[in-house]
N, C-alpha and C. Protein backbone atom coordinates (compact mmCIF):
# COMPACT_ATOMS: atom_id res chain seq x y z
N UNK A 1 -0.85 -23.80 47.19
CA UNK A 1 0.73 -23.29 46.17
C UNK A 1 0.38 -22.96 44.84
N UNK A 2 0.65 -24.14 44.32
CA UNK A 2 0.55 -24.22 43.15
C UNK A 2 -1.44 -24.06 42.16
N UNK A 3 -1.88 -24.43 43.07
CA UNK A 3 -2.91 -24.12 42.27
C UNK A 3 -3.85 -23.01 41.94
N UNK A 4 -2.55 -21.59 42.39
CA UNK A 4 -3.01 -20.67 43.63
C UNK A 4 -2.38 -20.02 42.06
N UNK A 5 -0.71 -20.62 41.87
CA UNK A 5 -0.57 -19.79 40.72
C UNK A 5 -0.74 -20.38 38.63
N UNK A 6 -1.13 -21.55 38.81
CA UNK A 6 -2.46 -22.32 38.10
C UNK A 6 -2.84 -21.31 37.06
N UNK A 7 -4.36 -20.56 38.87
CA UNK A 7 -5.27 -20.13 38.39
C UNK A 7 -4.60 -18.43 37.88
N UNK A 8 -3.62 -17.75 38.44
CA UNK A 8 -3.24 -16.67 37.56
C UNK A 8 -2.67 -17.27 36.61
N UNK A 9 -1.46 -18.05 36.35
CA UNK A 9 -1.24 -18.51 34.78
C UNK A 9 -2.59 -18.34 33.96
N UNK A 10 -4.07 -18.90 34.72
CA UNK A 10 -5.08 -18.81 33.34
C UNK A 10 -5.49 -18.53 33.28
N UNK A 11 -5.87 -17.50 34.67
CA UNK A 11 -6.62 -15.80 34.05
C UNK A 11 -5.79 -15.08 33.33
N UNK A 12 -3.97 -14.79 33.65
CA UNK A 12 -3.47 -14.56 32.94
C UNK A 12 -3.98 -14.97 30.54
N UNK A 13 -3.47 -15.79 30.56
CA UNK A 13 -3.86 -16.64 29.68
C UNK A 13 -5.15 -15.79 29.00
N UNK A 14 -6.60 -16.10 29.03
CA UNK A 14 -6.97 -15.56 29.72
C UNK A 14 -7.49 -14.16 28.77
N UNK A 15 -7.09 -13.46 29.58
CA UNK A 15 -7.04 -11.84 28.98
C UNK A 15 -6.45 -11.78 27.79
N UNK A 16 -4.94 -13.13 28.06
CA UNK A 16 -4.27 -12.40 26.41
C UNK A 16 -5.82 -13.01 24.97
N UNK A 17 -5.73 -13.58 25.31
CA UNK A 17 -6.34 -14.27 23.50
C UNK A 17 -7.46 -13.05 24.61
N UNK A 18 -8.27 -12.99 25.08
CA UNK A 18 -9.10 -11.86 24.80
C UNK A 18 -8.33 -10.24 24.14
N UNK A 19 -7.87 -10.40 24.73
CA UNK A 19 -6.57 -8.70 23.85
C UNK A 19 -6.23 -8.54 23.50
N UNK A 20 -5.29 -9.99 22.73
CA UNK A 20 -4.96 -9.37 21.49
C UNK A 20 -5.62 -10.12 20.10
N UNK A 21 -6.78 -10.05 20.27
CA UNK A 21 -7.80 -10.37 18.85
C UNK A 21 -7.84 -7.95 18.67
N UNK A 22 -8.02 -8.75 20.32
CA UNK A 22 -8.56 -6.33 20.09
C UNK A 22 -7.38 -5.42 20.10
N UNK A 23 -6.48 -6.35 20.94
CA UNK A 23 -5.49 -5.67 19.74
C UNK A 23 -4.99 -5.88 18.39
N UNK A 24 -5.06 -6.12 18.16
CA UNK A 24 -4.34 -6.21 16.08
C UNK A 24 -5.90 -5.89 15.07
N UNK A 25 -7.20 -5.43 15.96
CA UNK A 25 -8.49 -5.10 15.64
C UNK A 25 -8.25 -3.59 15.38
N UNK A 26 -8.03 -2.59 16.80
CA UNK A 26 -7.54 -1.58 16.31
C UNK A 26 -6.46 -1.15 15.22
N UNK A 27 -6.20 -1.73 15.00
CA UNK A 27 -4.77 -1.57 14.33
C UNK A 27 -5.65 -0.20 13.22
N UNK A 28 -4.95 1.11 13.09
CA UNK A 28 -5.44 1.74 12.04
C UNK A 28 -6.08 1.44 10.68
N UNK A 29 -7.00 1.40 9.95
CA UNK A 29 -6.80 0.77 8.82
C UNK A 29 -7.34 2.02 7.54
N UNK A 30 -6.45 2.27 6.15
CA UNK A 30 -6.55 3.50 5.75
C UNK A 30 -6.96 3.22 4.38
N UNK A 31 -7.77 3.79 3.57
CA UNK A 31 -7.75 3.59 2.33
C UNK A 31 -8.37 4.72 1.49
N UNK A 32 -7.57 5.15 -0.05
CA UNK A 32 -7.02 6.53 -0.07
C UNK A 32 -7.15 6.10 -1.56
N UNK A 33 -8.32 6.39 -2.71
CA UNK A 33 -7.84 6.34 -4.05
C UNK A 33 -8.20 7.40 -5.13
N UNK A 34 -7.72 7.28 -6.24
CA UNK A 34 -7.16 8.65 -6.67
C UNK A 34 -7.40 8.19 -8.43
N UNK A 35 -8.26 9.37 -8.81
CA UNK A 35 -8.21 9.56 -10.47
C UNK A 35 -7.36 11.28 -10.71
N UNK A 36 -7.40 11.49 -10.32
CA UNK A 36 -5.78 12.17 -11.07
C UNK A 36 -4.36 11.99 -11.09
N UNK A 37 -3.90 11.86 -11.82
CA UNK A 37 -2.72 10.87 -11.30
C UNK A 37 -1.78 12.41 -11.82
N UNK A 38 -0.56 11.92 -11.57
CA UNK A 38 0.72 13.17 -11.49
C UNK A 38 2.23 13.34 -13.29
N UNK A 39 2.41 11.48 -13.11
CA UNK A 39 3.79 11.45 -13.49
C UNK A 39 3.92 10.25 -13.58
N UNK A 40 4.07 9.62 -15.16
CA UNK A 40 4.57 8.44 -15.14
C UNK A 40 5.51 8.13 -15.65
N UNK A 41 6.74 7.16 -14.89
CA UNK A 41 8.03 6.50 -15.42
C UNK A 41 8.69 5.82 -15.95
N UNK A 42 8.97 5.06 -16.48
CA UNK A 42 8.98 3.81 -16.60
C UNK A 42 10.63 4.15 -18.56
N UNK A 43 10.99 3.13 -17.89
CA UNK A 43 12.58 3.34 -19.05
C UNK A 43 11.86 3.39 -19.87
N UNK A 44 12.18 5.41 -21.04
CA UNK A 44 11.75 5.56 -22.62
C UNK A 44 11.08 6.43 -22.47
N UNK A 45 10.31 6.62 -21.32
CA UNK A 45 9.14 7.36 -21.17
C UNK A 45 9.00 8.66 -20.12
N UNK A 46 8.92 9.72 -20.09
CA UNK A 46 8.38 10.74 -18.83
C UNK A 46 6.97 10.93 -19.31
N UNK A 47 5.99 11.20 -18.37
CA UNK A 47 5.11 11.84 -19.10
C UNK A 47 4.13 12.07 -17.95
N UNK A 48 3.61 13.50 -18.28
CA UNK A 48 2.35 14.05 -16.22
C UNK A 48 1.55 13.18 -17.92
N UNK A 49 0.73 12.66 -16.03
CA UNK A 49 -0.61 11.83 -16.43
C UNK A 49 -1.98 13.06 -15.66
N UNK A 50 -2.50 13.18 -16.66
CA UNK A 50 -4.05 13.98 -15.75
C UNK A 50 -4.90 13.04 -15.59
N UNK A 51 -5.46 11.82 -15.61
CA UNK A 51 -5.76 11.14 -15.28
C UNK A 51 -4.99 9.86 -15.27
N UNK A 52 -6.15 9.21 -13.97
CA UNK A 52 -5.19 8.10 -13.68
C UNK A 52 -6.68 7.31 -12.40
N UNK A 53 -6.48 5.61 -12.48
CA UNK A 53 -7.15 5.04 -11.79
C UNK A 53 -6.17 3.93 -10.88
N UNK A 54 -6.34 5.31 -8.94
CA UNK A 54 -5.56 4.38 -7.89
C UNK A 54 -6.34 3.95 -6.98
N UNK A 55 -6.28 3.18 -5.95
CA UNK A 55 -7.20 2.27 -5.21
C UNK A 55 -5.97 1.94 -4.30
N UNK A 56 -5.57 2.56 -2.79
CA UNK A 56 -4.45 1.72 -1.51
C UNK A 56 -5.52 0.88 -0.98
N UNK A 57 -5.28 -0.03 0.03
CA UNK A 57 -6.14 -0.10 1.24
C UNK A 57 -5.17 -0.89 2.11
N UNK A 58 -4.42 -0.74 2.71
CA UNK A 58 -3.84 -1.42 4.13
C UNK A 58 -4.19 -1.10 5.24
N UNK A 59 -3.39 -1.92 6.20
CA UNK A 59 -3.58 -1.55 7.51
C UNK A 59 -2.31 -1.43 8.34
N UNK A 60 -2.19 -0.85 9.20
CA UNK A 60 -0.92 -0.03 9.71
C UNK A 60 -0.34 -1.22 10.44
N UNK A 61 1.19 -1.80 10.22
CA UNK A 61 1.50 -2.42 11.26
C UNK A 61 1.32 -3.82 10.52
N UNK A 62 1.02 -4.02 9.96
CA UNK A 62 0.79 -5.70 9.48
C UNK A 62 0.99 -5.83 8.05
N UNK A 63 1.82 -6.55 7.49
CA UNK A 63 1.16 -7.09 5.90
C UNK A 63 0.28 -6.98 4.95
N UNK A 64 -0.82 -6.79 5.18
CA UNK A 64 -2.60 -6.80 4.82
C UNK A 64 -2.65 -5.40 4.43
N UNK A 65 -2.49 -5.55 2.78
CA UNK A 65 -2.19 -4.92 1.93
C UNK A 65 -2.71 -4.62 0.02
N UNK A 66 -3.27 -3.75 -0.15
CA UNK A 66 -3.61 -3.50 -1.08
C UNK A 66 -3.61 -2.35 -2.41
N UNK A 67 -2.75 -2.39 -3.74
CA UNK A 67 -2.56 -1.36 -4.09
C UNK A 67 -2.69 -2.00 -5.68
N UNK A 68 -3.48 -0.96 -6.39
CA UNK A 68 -3.53 -1.01 -7.57
C UNK A 68 -3.40 0.14 -8.59
N UNK A 69 -2.81 0.55 -9.40
CA UNK A 69 -2.70 2.00 -9.80
C UNK A 69 -2.09 2.30 -11.44
N UNK A 70 -3.25 2.62 -12.49
CA UNK A 70 -3.25 2.09 -13.63
C UNK A 70 -3.12 3.49 -13.77
N UNK A 71 -2.27 4.14 -15.26
CA UNK A 71 -2.33 5.17 -15.85
C UNK A 71 -1.75 5.65 -17.13
N UNK A 72 -2.84 5.80 -17.63
CA UNK A 72 -2.51 5.76 -19.61
C UNK A 72 -1.30 6.78 -20.42
N UNK A 73 -0.45 5.83 -21.07
CA UNK A 73 0.80 6.92 -20.90
C UNK A 73 0.82 7.69 -22.42
N UNK A 74 1.76 8.35 -22.86
CA UNK A 74 1.28 9.71 -23.94
C UNK A 74 1.11 8.55 -25.35
N UNK A 75 1.18 7.52 -25.69
CA UNK A 75 1.14 6.92 -26.74
C UNK A 75 -0.49 5.74 -26.85
N UNK A 76 -1.24 6.43 -25.07
CA UNK A 76 -2.73 5.29 -25.02
C UNK A 76 -2.41 4.55 -24.75
N UNK A 77 -1.19 3.26 -24.99
CA UNK A 77 -0.78 2.40 -23.85
C UNK A 77 -1.46 2.67 -21.81
N UNK A 78 -1.52 1.69 -21.62
CA UNK A 78 -2.29 1.15 -20.28
C UNK A 78 -1.23 0.60 -19.09
N UNK A 79 -0.43 1.68 -18.22
CA UNK A 79 0.26 1.05 -17.67
C UNK A 79 0.09 0.76 -16.47
N UNK A 80 0.46 -0.88 -15.17
CA UNK A 80 -0.27 -0.95 -14.16
C UNK A 80 0.78 -1.61 -12.99
N UNK A 81 0.47 -1.23 -11.75
CA UNK A 81 1.47 -0.63 -10.73
C UNK A 81 1.08 -1.59 -10.05
N UNK A 82 0.48 -3.29 -9.68
CA UNK A 82 0.24 -3.79 -8.38
C UNK A 82 0.77 -3.99 -6.97
N UNK A 83 0.26 -3.58 -6.06
CA UNK A 83 1.49 -4.68 -5.21
C UNK A 83 0.64 -5.96 -5.44
N UNK A 84 2.04 -6.82 -4.80
CA UNK A 84 2.52 -8.42 -5.10
C UNK A 84 2.58 -9.09 -3.25
N UNK A 85 3.09 -8.08 -3.54
CA UNK A 85 3.43 -8.63 -1.80
C UNK A 85 4.61 -7.41 -0.83
N UNK A 86 3.81 -7.78 0.83
CA UNK A 86 4.53 -6.25 1.55
C UNK A 86 5.42 -6.55 2.21
N UNK A 87 6.45 -6.37 1.95
CA UNK A 87 8.13 -6.84 2.45
C UNK A 87 8.44 -6.39 3.72
N UNK A 88 7.20 -5.43 4.86
CA UNK A 88 8.09 -4.38 5.81
C UNK A 88 6.96 -4.74 6.36
N UNK A 89 6.64 -4.21 8.23
CA UNK A 89 4.73 -3.71 8.05
C UNK A 89 4.86 -2.31 7.62
N UNK A 90 3.61 -2.70 7.62
CA UNK A 90 3.48 -1.05 6.76
C UNK A 90 3.18 -0.05 8.06
N UNK A 91 3.31 1.02 7.47
CA UNK A 91 3.01 2.70 8.03
C UNK A 91 2.01 3.56 7.96
N UNK A 92 1.25 4.35 8.35
CA UNK A 92 -0.07 4.44 8.26
C UNK A 92 1.03 6.08 6.63
N UNK A 93 2.21 5.80 6.29
CA UNK A 93 2.40 6.87 5.01
C UNK A 93 2.83 5.71 3.90
N UNK A 94 3.32 5.08 4.75
CA UNK A 94 3.92 3.63 3.49
C UNK A 94 4.07 2.94 3.52
N UNK A 95 3.88 2.03 2.50
CA UNK A 95 3.80 0.46 1.96
C UNK A 95 5.03 -0.07 0.83
N UNK A 96 5.78 -1.10 1.47
CA UNK A 96 7.42 -1.43 1.40
C UNK A 96 6.54 -2.59 0.35
N UNK A 97 6.98 -3.04 -0.87
CA UNK A 97 6.90 -4.44 -1.93
C UNK A 97 7.17 -4.94 -2.81
N UNK A 98 6.60 -6.36 -2.78
CA UNK A 98 6.87 -6.20 -4.40
C UNK A 98 6.43 -5.88 -4.98
N UNK A 99 6.31 -5.40 -6.54
CA UNK A 99 6.18 -4.83 -7.07
C UNK A 99 5.52 -5.80 -8.07
N UNK A 100 4.62 -5.71 -9.61
CA UNK A 100 4.75 -6.48 -10.24
C UNK A 100 4.40 -5.29 -11.88
N UNK A 101 5.00 -4.53 -12.70
CA UNK A 101 4.06 -3.32 -13.30
C UNK A 101 4.43 -4.36 -14.75
N UNK A 102 3.52 -3.29 -15.31
CA UNK A 102 2.81 -4.18 -16.81
C UNK A 102 2.89 -2.97 -18.03
N UNK A 103 2.84 -3.33 -18.83
CA UNK A 103 2.31 -2.48 -20.27
C UNK A 103 1.43 -2.85 -20.42
N UNK A 104 0.04 -2.02 -21.06
CA UNK A 104 -1.03 -3.56 -22.52
C UNK A 104 -1.13 -4.87 -21.42
N UNK A 105 -0.82 -5.37 -20.06
CA UNK A 105 -1.04 -6.41 -19.92
C UNK A 105 0.26 -6.82 -19.88
N UNK A 106 0.90 -6.68 -20.70
CA UNK A 106 2.39 -7.30 -20.39
C UNK A 106 3.45 -7.01 -19.82
N UNK A 107 4.12 -7.80 -19.12
CA UNK A 107 4.71 -7.60 -18.36
C UNK A 107 6.16 -6.99 -18.18
N UNK A 108 6.82 -5.77 -17.52
CA UNK A 108 7.96 -5.01 -17.36
C UNK A 108 8.23 -5.23 -16.65
N UNK A 109 8.09 -5.42 -15.42
CA UNK A 109 9.24 -6.12 -14.05
C UNK A 109 8.08 -6.25 -13.30
N UNK A 110 8.77 -7.32 -12.85
CA UNK A 110 8.14 -8.42 -12.04
C UNK A 110 8.55 -8.99 -11.03
N UNK A 111 7.99 -8.49 -9.40
CA UNK A 111 8.95 -8.58 -8.54
C UNK A 111 9.72 -8.32 -8.10
N UNK A 112 9.84 -6.58 -8.54
CA UNK A 112 10.60 -5.22 -8.13
C UNK A 112 10.17 -4.77 -7.01
N UNK A 113 11.18 -4.18 -6.61
CA UNK A 113 11.02 -3.59 -5.12
C UNK A 113 11.17 -2.67 -5.60
N UNK A 114 10.41 -1.88 -4.14
CA UNK A 114 9.92 -0.14 -4.37
C UNK A 114 9.00 -0.15 -3.01
N UNK A 115 8.40 1.01 -2.89
CA UNK A 115 7.51 0.88 -1.75
C UNK A 115 6.41 2.48 -3.17
N UNK A 116 5.15 2.50 -2.12
CA UNK A 116 3.78 3.61 -2.73
C UNK A 116 5.01 4.80 -0.82
N UNK A 117 5.19 5.79 -0.89
CA UNK A 117 4.73 6.89 -0.06
C UNK A 117 4.42 8.10 -0.07
N UNK A 118 3.88 9.01 1.06
CA UNK A 118 3.33 9.81 1.23
C UNK A 118 1.29 10.03 1.02
N UNK A 119 0.94 8.34 1.40
CA UNK A 119 0.15 7.70 1.51
C UNK A 119 -0.80 7.96 3.02
N UNK A 120 -0.52 9.63 4.47
CA UNK A 120 -1.00 9.84 4.47
C UNK A 120 -1.50 11.45 4.91
N UNK A 121 -1.46 11.99 3.81
CA UNK A 121 -1.52 12.99 2.95
C UNK A 121 -2.42 13.27 3.46
N UNK A 122 -3.17 14.78 3.72
CA UNK A 122 -4.61 14.20 3.45
C UNK A 122 -5.41 14.89 1.45
N UNK A 123 -6.25 14.78 1.07
CA UNK A 123 -7.19 15.42 0.10
C UNK A 123 -6.68 16.06 -1.00
N UNK A 124 -6.30 15.99 -1.77
CA UNK A 124 -5.89 16.41 -2.85
C UNK A 124 -4.28 17.01 -2.87
N UNK A 125 -3.30 15.70 -2.23
CA UNK A 125 -1.93 16.12 -2.25
C UNK A 125 -0.93 15.21 -2.88
N UNK A 126 -0.37 14.81 -3.22
CA UNK A 126 0.24 13.72 -3.29
C UNK A 126 1.49 12.45 -3.55
N UNK A 127 1.63 11.64 -3.36
CA UNK A 127 2.09 10.11 -3.28
C UNK A 127 2.44 9.83 -4.31
N UNK A 128 4.02 8.63 -4.76
CA UNK A 128 4.57 8.73 -5.00
C UNK A 128 4.35 6.61 -4.61
N UNK A 129 4.93 6.31 -6.36
CA UNK A 129 4.88 4.70 -6.65
C UNK A 129 7.09 4.80 -7.03
N UNK A 130 7.36 3.93 -6.44
CA UNK A 130 8.67 4.08 -7.05
C UNK A 130 9.19 1.95 -7.24
N UNK A 131 9.67 1.53 -7.53
CA UNK A 131 9.68 0.30 -7.61
C UNK A 131 10.37 0.13 -8.60
N UNK A 132 11.87 -1.45 -9.13
CA UNK A 132 12.86 -1.20 -9.64
C UNK A 132 13.88 -0.14 -9.46
N UNK A 133 14.71 -0.15 -8.28
CA UNK A 133 15.68 0.83 -8.08
C UNK A 133 14.93 2.91 -8.96
N UNK A 134 14.05 3.24 -8.91
CA UNK A 134 13.46 3.68 -9.08
C UNK A 134 13.49 4.02 -10.20
N UNK A 135 12.91 2.46 -11.88
CA UNK A 135 13.33 3.27 -13.01
C UNK A 135 11.43 2.98 -13.35
N UNK A 136 11.17 2.57 -11.90
CA UNK A 136 9.39 2.60 -12.36
C UNK A 136 9.38 3.91 -11.82
N UNK A 137 7.63 4.48 -11.32
CA UNK A 137 6.51 5.84 -11.31
C UNK A 137 6.24 5.58 -11.67
N UNK A 138 4.74 6.37 -10.81
CA UNK A 138 3.72 7.10 -11.07
C UNK A 138 3.15 7.45 -9.83
N UNK A 139 2.59 8.12 -9.83
CA UNK A 139 2.62 9.43 -8.60
C UNK A 139 1.01 9.45 -9.10
N UNK A 140 -0.01 10.77 -7.84
CA UNK A 140 -1.25 11.26 -8.12
C UNK A 140 -1.40 12.02 -7.58
N UNK A 141 -2.70 12.28 -7.32
CA UNK A 141 -3.20 13.33 -6.21
C UNK A 141 -3.82 11.90 -5.58
N UNK A 142 -4.19 12.55 -3.91
CA UNK A 142 -5.09 12.24 -3.40
C UNK A 142 -6.70 12.53 -3.73
N UNK A 143 -7.72 11.05 -4.41
CA UNK A 143 -8.82 12.11 -4.71
C UNK A 143 -10.37 11.87 -3.24
N UNK A 144 -9.86 10.58 -2.65
CA UNK A 144 -11.06 10.67 -1.58
C UNK A 144 -9.68 10.39 -0.58
N UNK A 145 -10.46 9.63 0.76
CA UNK A 145 -9.73 8.95 1.56
C UNK A 145 -10.09 8.34 2.74
N UNK A 146 -10.97 7.02 3.53
CA UNK A 146 -11.32 6.66 4.67
C UNK A 146 -10.51 6.13 5.37
N UNK A 147 -10.50 6.63 6.36
CA UNK A 147 -9.57 5.80 7.47
C UNK A 147 -9.62 5.79 9.13
N UNK A 148 -10.00 4.44 10.01
CA UNK A 148 -10.95 3.82 10.54
C UNK A 148 -9.90 3.12 11.62
């Protein structure tokens, strides 16, 4: 009787070791890019930005994500929003985390809590990043996306 239980437990554990990586592998993965900015807002600046360089890559339900968003301000300065860590499992539409925000490479807000959302929208729809109690904001339109 013990041998039968042991064999069943071994088979169950073997099945779990095979299936769990497959389940993790099957989590939807997304990548979106934007070359068309919309709004840039930091303390003292509110501007419409016609062009930007933004890239988002993430795997749903995990802390695996990369975000880098850059836009040119009204005086030619470059603002960058970079995700430095994920603070909650990602969804199809949102990445919550801590962000570093800089102007011409100089830190403005480091480790600021915020989120990127509107990421599940189709092409030409807009998304937003807010951080630092909504003091920092950048948005743009989805130029391209790849989901698998």
